[in-house]
């Protein structure tokens, strides 16, 4: 209907949006969902977890605070660490672990697994029989702790030819290391099977042992038990290889996972080369697609050894956000 009223620029814009909105807005929304600059355009059905080493524990926060912070940041699970002191150690027993499990359940976060640095100073392959014996004793306690905590995942480092960061470790010949590692896992297996705990063998690389997928598969398959599986670590092989190449070969043997970021741009080949998620050279879209193709549906656990010195909560939330983007939850 003709009108003599002037049309303002604002009115004209509103009219155009009203008329064309149905055609323009759905397309814009679809483009936003498929924008791989923001997040994976594909949604993956896996769970988010974080290792306790990313927290300033026990120096600045309690274990309960770590559990609550991980839950608040959106993690489904948290991987706890066993050492010689603190809440998870030989000083604790079924009563203490039951209390930790109850606290986690009340907070609403699962214990996704149990991990330990003690496999290095107390390697099963150590040339000193007393040290290797102590390693088996500690690993036995870890199996019981995992059971009491309600997790079926125990990360195991079965041996080392060499440990670069330890001056007290004498190199072990490859065949000797292999024999000692197999003997150690075999001695632990009956208890693990009885308690329903999986001994998940981690690929390390720095230890000079189980350096290829074929070697890892042969080691794991040799036990003919569903309680000996693989704990796959993306970062530990990034110095010379690529995680997306390992995943199809390991396949269904993968029981648990560490997501560690690594940069191939630097020349430092120490633990300092590990980075916060997405701040490295890992091809995460390729890794996620490879895991999806082999049917992995477990935890993706961010592992990092350097809590932020200031405002450490930032690392926890940043890691959760990064995992959401990898999982396609931000689309």
Protein backbone atom coordinates (compact mmCIF):
# COMPACT_ATOMS: atom_id res chain seq x y z
CA UNK A 1 0.00 0.00 0.00
CA UNK A 2 1.53 3.32 -0.97
CA UNK A 3 2.59 5.54 1.87
CA UNK A 4 3.99 9.02 2.08
CA UNK A 5 5.94 8.25 5.29
CA UNK A 6 9.74 8.35 4.81
CA UNK A 7 11.55 5.06 5.34
CA UNK A 8 14.55 5.23 7.61
CA UNK A 9 17.69 3.14 7.05
CA UNK A 10 16.95 1.24 10.24
CA UNK A 11 13.39 0.46 9.18
CA UNK A 12 14.56 -0.75 5.79
CA UNK A 13 17.13 -3.07 7.41
CA UNK A 14 14.55 -4.51 9.80
CA UNK A 15 12.16 -5.12 6.89
CA UNK A 16 14.86 -6.88 4.89
CA UNK A 17 15.76 -9.11 7.82
CA UNK A 18 12.12 -9.96 8.41
CA UNK A 19 11.59 -10.85 4.76
CA UNK A 20 14.80 -12.77 4.18
CA UNK A 21 15.55 -14.07 7.65
CA UNK A 22 14.12 -17.50 7.01
CA UNK A 23 16.48 -17.96 4.11
CA UNK A 24 19.59 -16.34 5.61
CA UNK A 25 19.69 -17.32 9.28
CA UNK A 26 19.46 -21.13 8.96
CA UNK A 27 22.34 -21.10 6.50
CA UNK A 28 24.42 -18.93 8.80
CA UNK A 29 23.70 -21.22 11.72
CA UNK A 30 24.67 -24.27 9.68
CA UNK A 31 27.91 -22.62 8.65
CA UNK A 32 28.72 -21.87 12.28
CA UNK A 33 28.18 -25.50 13.28
CA UNK A 34 30.49 -26.74 10.55
CA UNK A 35 33.22 -24.18 11.20
CA UNK A 36 36.36 -26.21 11.88
CA UNK A 37 38.11 -23.05 13.04
CA UNK A 38 36.09 -23.29 16.23
CA UNK A 39 35.92 -27.03 16.90
CA UNK A 40 35.66 -30.42 15.28
CA UNK A 41 32.58 -30.47 13.06
CA UNK A 42 32.16 -34.12 14.05
CA UNK A 43 30.98 -35.16 17.50
CA UNK A 44 32.94 -37.98 19.19
CA UNK A 45 31.52 -40.20 21.92
CA UNK A 46 34.46 -40.26 24.32
CA UNK A 47 34.94 -38.98 27.88
CA UNK A 48 37.12 -36.18 29.24
CA UNK A 49 39.65 -36.79 32.01
CA UNK A 50 42.63 -35.00 33.52
CA UNK A 51 45.68 -36.24 35.40
CA UNK A 52 46.35 -34.95 38.91
CA UNK A 53 49.81 -33.69 37.86
CA UNK A 54 48.13 -30.72 36.17
CA UNK A 55 47.08 -29.44 39.62
CA UNK A 56 49.36 -27.79 42.21
CA UNK A 57 48.78 -30.76 44.51
CA UNK A 58 49.59 -31.13 47.33
CA UNK A 59 51.48 -27.85 47.69
CA UNK A 60 48.52 -25.49 47.17
CA UNK A 61 45.35 -27.57 46.96
CA UNK A 62 43.91 -30.64 48.63
CA UNK A 63 42.84 -33.78 46.81
CA UNK A 64 39.20 -32.95 47.45
CA UNK A 65 39.69 -29.50 45.95
CA UNK A 66 41.26 -31.10 42.86
CA UNK A 67 38.29 -33.44 42.46
CA UNK A 68 35.84 -30.56 42.78
CA UNK A 69 37.77 -28.30 40.41
CA UNK A 70 37.96 -31.02 37.77
CA UNK A 71 34.20 -31.55 38.02
CA UNK A 72 33.48 -27.81 37.94
CA UNK A 73 35.60 -27.52 34.79
CA UNK A 74 33.50 -30.17 33.07
CA UNK A 75 35.66 -33.28 33.30
CA UNK A 76 34.02 -36.70 33.48
CA UNK A 77 36.96 -38.28 35.28
CA UNK A 78 40.29 -37.66 36.94
CA UNK A 79 43.39 -39.87 36.88
CA UNK A 80 45.07 -40.10 40.27
CA UNK A 81 48.76 -40.65 40.98
CA UNK A 82 50.32 -43.09 43.42
CA UNK A 83 53.56 -42.07 45.16
CA UNK A 84 55.42 -42.66 48.42
CA UNK A 85 53.59 -39.92 50.33
CA UNK A 86 50.34 -37.97 50.16
CA UNK A 87 46.84 -39.43 49.88
CA UNK A 88 47.62 -42.32 47.54
CA UNK A 89 50.68 -44.14 48.83
CA UNK A 90 51.78 -47.17 50.86
CA UNK A 91 50.67 -45.15 53.88
CA UNK A 92 47.04 -45.55 52.81
CA UNK A 93 44.85 -48.62 52.66
CA UNK A 94 41.31 -49.79 51.82
CA UNK A 95 39.71 -47.44 54.35
CA UNK A 96 41.44 -44.35 52.98
CA UNK A 97 40.79 -45.31 49.36
CA UNK A 98 37.12 -45.99 50.10
CA UNK A 99 36.88 -42.49 51.53
CA UNK A 100 38.48 -40.97 48.39
CA UNK A 101 36.11 -42.97 46.21
CA UNK A 102 33.13 -41.77 48.23
CA UNK A 103 34.29 -38.15 47.96
CA UNK A 104 34.62 -38.48 44.18
CA UNK A 105 31.18 -40.06 43.91
CA UNK A 106 29.63 -37.30 46.02
CA UNK A 107 31.25 -34.67 43.81
CA UNK A 108 30.16 -36.51 40.69
CA UNK A 109 33.47 -37.36 39.07
CA UNK A 110 34.90 -40.78 38.24
CA UNK A 111 38.41 -42.02 38.96
CA UNK A 112 39.44 -42.75 35.38
CA UNK A 113 42.67 -44.53 36.27
CA UNK A 114 45.74 -44.80 38.46
CA UNK A 115 49.21 -43.68 37.39
CA UNK A 116 52.64 -43.49 39.08
CA UNK A 117 56.17 -42.18 38.57
CA UNK A 118 57.41 -45.00 40.83
CA UNK A 119 57.88 -47.29 37.83
CA UNK A 120 61.07 -45.32 37.10
CA UNK A 121 63.03 -45.49 40.38
CA UNK A 122 61.67 -49.01 40.97
CA UNK A 123 61.73 -50.49 37.47
CA UNK A 124 60.98 -54.18 37.08
CA UNK A 125 64.04 -54.36 34.80
CA UNK A 126 66.50 -52.78 37.22
CA UNK A 127 69.83 -54.61 37.53
CA UNK A 128 69.50 -54.51 41.32
CA UNK A 129 67.18 -57.39 42.35
CA UNK A 130 66.20 -55.54 45.53
CA UNK A 131 64.99 -52.55 43.54
CA UNK A 132 63.02 -54.62 41.02
CA UNK A 133 61.48 -56.57 43.91
CA UNK A 134 60.41 -53.30 45.54
CA UNK A 135 58.90 -52.25 42.21
CA UNK A 136 56.73 -55.35 42.13
CA UNK A 137 55.67 -54.79 45.73
CA UNK A 138 54.61 -51.22 44.94
CA UNK A 139 52.79 -52.30 41.77
CA UNK A 140 50.89 -54.88 43.81
CA UNK A 141 49.77 -52.12 46.17
CA UNK A 142 48.71 -50.04 43.15
CA UNK A 143 46.50 -52.86 41.85
CA UNK A 144 44.76 -53.05 45.22
CA UNK A 145 44.45 -49.26 45.37
CA UNK A 146 42.92 -49.11 41.89
CA UNK A 147 40.37 -51.72 42.91
CA UNK A 148 39.50 -49.88 46.12
CA UNK A 149 39.18 -46.58 44.21
CA UNK A 150 36.71 -48.15 41.82
CA UNK A 151 38.79 -47.94 38.66
CA UNK A 152 39.81 -50.80 36.40
CA UNK A 153 42.73 -48.90 34.85
CA UNK A 154 46.30 -49.08 36.14
CA UNK A 155 49.05 -47.62 33.97
CA UNK A 156 52.15 -49.84 33.94
CA UNK A 157 55.65 -49.10 32.66
CA UNK A 158 57.06 -52.64 32.54
CA UNK A 159 60.75 -51.86 32.01
CA UNK A 160 63.47 -49.62 30.66
CA UNK A 161 66.65 -50.11 28.68
CA UNK A 162 67.73 -46.61 29.71
CA UNK A 163 66.23 -43.76 31.76
CA UNK A 164 67.75 -40.47 30.52
CA UNK A 165 66.77 -38.37 33.52
CA UNK A 166 68.11 -40.80 36.14
CA UNK A 167 71.86 -41.06 36.79
CA UNK A 168 71.37 -44.04 39.11
CA UNK A 169 69.99 -46.39 36.43
CA UNK A 170 72.47 -48.68 34.73
CA UNK A 171 71.56 -49.49 31.11
CA UNK A 172 69.91 -52.88 30.64
CA UNK A 173 70.40 -54.97 27.47
CA UNK A 174 67.24 -55.09 25.35
CA UNK A 175 66.70 -58.83 25.66
CA UNK A 176 67.25 -58.72 29.43
CA UNK A 177 64.85 -55.80 29.79
CA UNK A 178 62.25 -57.70 27.76
CA UNK A 179 62.56 -60.83 29.88
CA UNK A 180 62.36 -58.94 33.17
CA UNK A 181 59.42 -56.84 32.00
CA UNK A 182 57.44 -59.91 30.94
CA UNK A 183 58.26 -61.69 34.20
CA UNK A 184 57.12 -58.68 36.22
CA UNK A 185 53.76 -58.33 34.46
CA UNK A 186 53.21 -62.09 34.65
CA UNK A 187 53.68 -62.00 38.42
CA UNK A 188 51.16 -59.17 38.77
CA UNK A 189 48.55 -60.61 36.43
CA UNK A 190 46.83 -63.15 38.75
CA UNK A 191 45.98 -60.44 41.29
CA UNK A 192 44.90 -58.03 38.56
CA UNK A 193 42.56 -60.64 37.10
CA UNK A 194 41.17 -61.46 40.52
CA UNK A 195 40.41 -57.81 41.33
CA UNK A 196 39.25 -56.85 37.85
CA UNK A 197 42.06 -54.37 37.21
CA UNK A 198 43.60 -53.92 33.76
CA UNK A 199 47.39 -53.64 33.54
CA UNK A 200 47.66 -51.04 30.78
CA UNK A 201 51.14 -50.97 29.24
CA UNK A 202 52.24 -47.45 28.32
CA UNK A 203 54.32 -46.55 25.28
CA UNK A 204 57.12 -44.32 26.58
CA UNK A 205 59.89 -44.06 23.95
CA UNK A 206 62.35 -42.38 26.34
CA UNK A 207 62.95 -45.76 28.00
CA UNK A 208 64.15 -47.42 24.79
CA UNK A 209 61.60 -50.23 25.11
CA UNK A 210 58.47 -51.15 23.12
CA UNK A 211 59.38 -48.60 20.48
CA UNK A 212 56.95 -49.67 17.74
CA UNK A 213 53.29 -50.71 17.55
CA UNK A 214 54.37 -54.23 16.53
CA UNK A 215 56.53 -54.59 19.65
CA UNK A 216 53.74 -53.28 21.87
CA UNK A 217 51.19 -55.63 20.31
CA UNK A 218 53.47 -58.64 20.68
CA UNK A 219 54.10 -57.81 24.35
CA UNK A 220 50.42 -57.36 25.20
CA UNK A 221 49.13 -60.29 23.14
CA UNK A 222 51.70 -62.62 24.68
CA UNK A 223 49.82 -62.69 27.98
CA UNK A 224 46.57 -63.84 26.35
CA UNK A 225 44.56 -61.95 28.96
CA UNK A 226 41.96 -59.20 28.66
CA UNK A 227 43.59 -57.69 31.76
CA UNK A 228 46.78 -56.75 29.89
CA UNK A 229 46.03 -53.91 27.49
CA UNK A 230 47.58 -50.68 26.19
CA UNK A 231 47.69 -47.25 27.78
CA UNK A 232 48.33 -45.16 24.69
CA UNK A 233 50.16 -41.86 25.12
CA UNK A 234 50.02 -39.49 22.15
CA UNK A 235 52.88 -37.26 23.27
CA UNK A 236 55.43 -39.92 24.15
CA UNK A 237 55.99 -40.87 20.51
CA UNK A 238 55.74 -37.41 18.96
CA UNK A 239 59.49 -36.79 18.95
CA UNK A 240 60.03 -39.26 16.12
CA UNK A 241 56.65 -40.72 15.18
CA UNK A 242 52.95 -39.83 14.97
CA UNK A 243 50.08 -41.00 17.19
CA UNK A 244 47.57 -41.22 14.33
CA UNK A 245 49.83 -43.88 12.78
CA UNK A 246 49.90 -45.99 15.96
CA UNK A 247 46.17 -46.03 16.72
CA UNK A 248 45.01 -48.19 13.78
CA UNK A 249 47.72 -50.74 14.56
CA UNK A 250 47.02 -50.92 18.30
CA UNK A 251 43.28 -51.05 17.65
CA UNK A 252 41.05 -52.52 20.33
CA UNK A 253 44.03 -53.16 22.61
CA UNK A 254 43.83 -49.50 23.68
CA UNK A 255 42.17 -49.41 27.10
CA UNK A 256 43.08 -45.91 28.29
CA UNK A 257 44.74 -42.84 26.82
CA UNK A 258 46.95 -39.90 27.73
CA UNK A 259 46.54 -36.82 25.58
CA UNK A 260 49.88 -35.02 25.81
CA UNK A 261 50.75 -32.19 23.48
CA UNK A 262 54.22 -32.00 21.94
CA UNK A 263 55.91 -29.54 19.63
CA UNK A 264 58.28 -30.67 16.90
CA UNK A 265 59.34 -27.05 16.35
CA UNK A 266 61.79 -26.91 19.25
CA UNK A 267 65.14 -28.54 19.94
CA UNK A 268 64.56 -29.37 23.61
CA UNK A 269 63.93 -33.10 23.93
CA UNK A 270 62.96 -33.20 27.59
CA UNK A 271 59.71 -33.10 29.53
CA UNK A 272 59.70 -29.35 28.81
CA UNK A 273 58.73 -30.12 25.20
CA UNK A 274 55.27 -31.18 26.35
CA UNK A 275 52.78 -28.35 25.97
CA UNK A 276 49.22 -27.46 26.95
CA UNK A 277 46.70 -28.97 24.54
CA UNK A 278 46.55 -27.36 21.07
CA UNK A 279 49.84 -25.50 21.66
CA UNK A 280 51.92 -28.00 19.70
CA UNK A 281 52.18 -29.87 16.43
CA UNK A 282 49.93 -32.89 17.09
CA UNK A 283 47.38 -33.50 14.33
CA UNK A 284 44.44 -33.79 16.70
CA UNK A 285 41.72 -34.14 14.04
CA UNK A 286 43.62 -37.13 12.60
CA UNK A 287 44.12 -38.63 16.08
CA UNK A 288 40.43 -38.30 16.95
CA UNK A 289 39.33 -39.84 13.67
CA UNK A 290 41.74 -42.75 14.10
CA UNK A 291 40.45 -43.43 17.62
CA UNK A 292 36.87 -43.28 16.42
CA UNK A 293 37.56 -45.77 13.63
CA UNK A 294 38.98 -48.37 16.04
CA UNK A 295 35.93 -47.98 18.28
CA UNK A 296 37.58 -46.28 21.25
CA UNK A 297 34.97 -44.87 23.62
CA UNK A 298 36.92 -44.47 26.86
CA UNK A 299 38.64 -41.57 28.59
CA UNK A 300 40.88 -38.97 26.97
CA UNK A 301 43.12 -37.89 29.85
CA UNK A 302 45.11 -34.69 29.63
CA UNK A 303 48.54 -35.26 31.23
CA UNK A 304 50.85 -32.37 32.02
CA UNK A 305 53.61 -32.01 34.60
CA UNK A 306 53.75 -28.27 35.08
CA UNK A 307 50.84 -26.65 36.95
CA UNK A 308 50.61 -22.95 36.16
CA UNK A 309 52.57 -21.02 38.83
CA UNK A 310 49.91 -18.30 38.87
CA UNK A 311 46.14 -18.86 38.70
CA UNK A 312 46.55 -22.62 38.18
CA UNK A 313 42.81 -23.08 37.66
CA UNK A 314 43.31 -21.54 34.21
CA UNK A 315 45.14 -24.66 32.97
CA UNK A 316 42.29 -26.91 34.13
CA UNK A 317 39.59 -24.89 32.38
CA UNK A 318 41.74 -24.35 29.29
CA UNK A 319 42.33 -28.11 28.96
CA UNK A 320 38.64 -28.86 29.36
CA UNK A 321 37.79 -26.34 26.65
CA UNK A 322 40.43 -27.80 24.32
CA UNK A 323 39.05 -31.33 24.78
CA UNK A 324 35.52 -30.06 24.12
CA UNK A 325 36.72 -28.66 20.81
CA UNK A 326 38.45 -31.92 19.88
CA UNK A 327 35.28 -33.84 20.77
CA UNK A 328 33.06 -31.55 18.72
CA UNK A 329 31.17 -30.30 21.75
CA UNK A 330 31.67 -26.65 20.80
CA UNK A 331 30.02 -26.94 17.38
